Amino acid sequence: MADDDPPVDRRAHPDPYGTPPLPDGDRVRSRTPSTPPPPATTRHQVIAALILVIVVAAVVLRVLR
């Protein structure tokens, strides 16, 4: 019967393309947290508003045409 075979230990045959195991706890280094991006400046907000106005105007003109 096929179900009579014992289960295969997956740790005995590691994936050669997988990530390597982590080292022991005393050698694990934590990552420094990444700094958040700076908030949008007034110039960025004006450009975004201008793009939004152009897109809305194009849609309105297309509908009215």
C-alpha atoms as a PDB file:
ATOM      1  CA  MET A   1       0.000   0.000   0.000  1.00  0.00           C
ATOM      2  CA  ALA A   2       1.216   3.488  -0.786  1.00  0.00           C
ATOM      3  CA  ASP A   3       0.223   4.876   2.618  1.00  0.00           C
ATOM      4  CA  ASP A   4       2.469   2.436   4.488  1.00  0.00           C
ATOM      5  CA  ASP A   5       5.653   4.430   3.777  1.00  0.00           C
ATOM      6  CA  PRO A   6       6.909   6.574   6.677  1.00  0.00           C
ATOM      7  CA  PRO A   7       6.778  10.342   6.077  1.00  0.00           C
ATOM      8  CA  VAL A   8       9.859  11.886   4.528  1.00  0.00           C
ATOM      9  CA  ASP A   9      11.835  14.230   6.779  1.00  0.00           C
ATOM     10  CA  ARG A  10      11.917  17.483   4.813  1.00  0.00           C
ATOM     11  CA  ARG A  11      14.831  18.846   6.841  1.00  0.00           C
ATOM     12  CA  ALA A  12      17.093  16.087   5.578  1.00  0.00           C
ATOM     13  CA  HIS A  13      16.823  17.466   2.025  1.00  0.00           C
ATOM     14  CA  PRO A  14      16.845  21.272   2.226  1.00  0.00           C
ATOM     15  CA  ASP A  15      15.887  23.353  -0.787  1.00  0.00           C
ATOM     16  CA  PRO A  16      19.179  24.388  -2.429  1.00  0.00           C
ATOM     17  CA  TYR A  17      17.552  27.568  -3.748  1.00  0.00           C
ATOM     18  CA  GLY A  18      15.856  28.547  -0.486  1.00  0.00           C
ATOM     19  CA  THR A  19      17.082  31.076   2.018  1.00  0.00           C
ATOM     20  CA  PRO A  20      19.936  29.918   4.223  1.00  0.00           C
ATOM     21  CA  PRO A  21      19.125  29.194   7.848  1.00  0.00           C
ATOM     22  CA  LEU A  22      19.630  32.008  10.329  1.00  0.00           C
ATOM     23  CA  PRO A  23      22.782  31.879  12.431  1.00  0.00           C
ATOM     24  CA  ASP A  24      22.715  31.352  16.168  1.00  0.00           C
ATOM     25  CA  GLY A  25      21.067  34.017  18.307  1.00  0.00           C
ATOM     26  CA  ASP A  26      24.283  35.754  19.343  1.00  0.00           C
ATOM     27  CA  ARG A  27      25.150  36.465  15.710  1.00  0.00           C
ATOM     28  CA  VAL A  28      21.755  37.662  14.512  1.00  0.00           C
ATOM     29  CA  ARG A  29      21.729  41.398  13.900  1.00  0.00           C
ATOM     30  CA  SER A  30      18.507  43.318  13.889  1.00  0.00           C
ATOM     31  CA  ARG A  31      17.843  45.701  11.054  1.00  0.00           C
ATOM     32  CA  THR A  32      17.739  49.388  11.709  1.00  0.00           C
ATOM     33  CA  PRO A  33      14.246  50.730  11.068  1.00  0.00           C
ATOM     34  CA  SER A  34      13.946  52.599   7.801  1.00  0.00           C
ATOM     35  CA  THR A  35      13.185  56.271   8.044  1.00  0.00           C
ATOM     36  CA  PRO A  36       9.779  57.291   6.693  1.00  0.00           C
ATOM     37  CA  PRO A  37       9.759  59.407   3.535  1.00  0.00           C
ATOM     38  CA  PRO A  38       9.501  63.150   4.072  1.00  0.00           C
ATOM     39  CA  PRO A  39       6.003  64.649   3.810  1.00  0.00           C
ATOM     40  CA  ALA A  40       4.903  66.171   0.523  1.00  0.00           C
ATOM     41  CA  THR A  41       5.981  69.742   0.073  1.00  0.00           C
ATOM     42  CA  THR A  42       3.694  72.543  -1.072  1.00  0.00           C
ATOM     43  CA  ARG A  43       5.182  72.291  -4.563  1.00  0.00           C
ATOM     44  CA  HIS A  44       4.324  68.589  -4.768  1.00  0.00           C
ATOM     45  CA  GLN A  45       0.779  69.273  -3.624  1.00  0.00           C
ATOM     46  CA  VAL A  46       0.329  72.069  -6.196  1.00  0.00           C
ATOM     47  CA  ILE A  47       1.588  69.821  -8.994  1.00  0.00           C
ATOM     48  CA  ALA A  48      -0.741  67.006  -7.882  1.00  0.00           C
ATOM     49  CA  ALA A  49      -3.701  69.419  -7.762  1.00  0.00           C
ATOM     50  CA  LEU A  50      -2.836  70.724 -11.244  1.00  0.00           C
ATOM     51  CA  ILE A  51      -2.704  67.199 -12.661  1.00  0.00           C
ATOM     52  CA  LEU A  52      -6.036  66.416 -11.017  1.00  0.00           C
ATOM     53  CA  VAL A  53      -7.630  69.558 -12.523  1.00  0.00           C
ATOM     54  CA  ILE A  54      -6.306  68.647 -15.991  1.00  0.00           C
ATOM     55  CA  VAL A  55      -7.667  65.087 -15.734  1.00  0.00           C
ATOM     56  CA  VAL A  56     -11.080  66.264 -14.502  1.00  0.00           C
ATOM     57  CA  ALA A  57     -11.241  68.923 -17.255  1.00  0.00           C
ATOM     58  CA  ALA A  58     -10.387  66.320 -19.894  1.00  0.00           C
ATOM     59  CA  VAL A  59     -13.114  63.978 -18.636  1.00  0.00           C
ATOM     60  CA  VAL A  60     -15.692  66.811 -18.524  1.00  0.00           C
ATOM     61  CA  LEU A  61     -14.769  67.973 -22.040  1.00  0.00           C
ATOM     62  CA  ARG A  62     -14.996  64.400 -23.317  1.00  0.00           C
ATOM     63  CA  VAL A  63     -18.457  63.964 -21.791  1.00  0.00           C
ATOM     64  CA  LEU A  64     -19.738  67.290 -23.138  1.00  0.00           C
ATOM     65  CA  ARG A  65     -18.409  66.614 -26.615  1.00  0.00           C
END
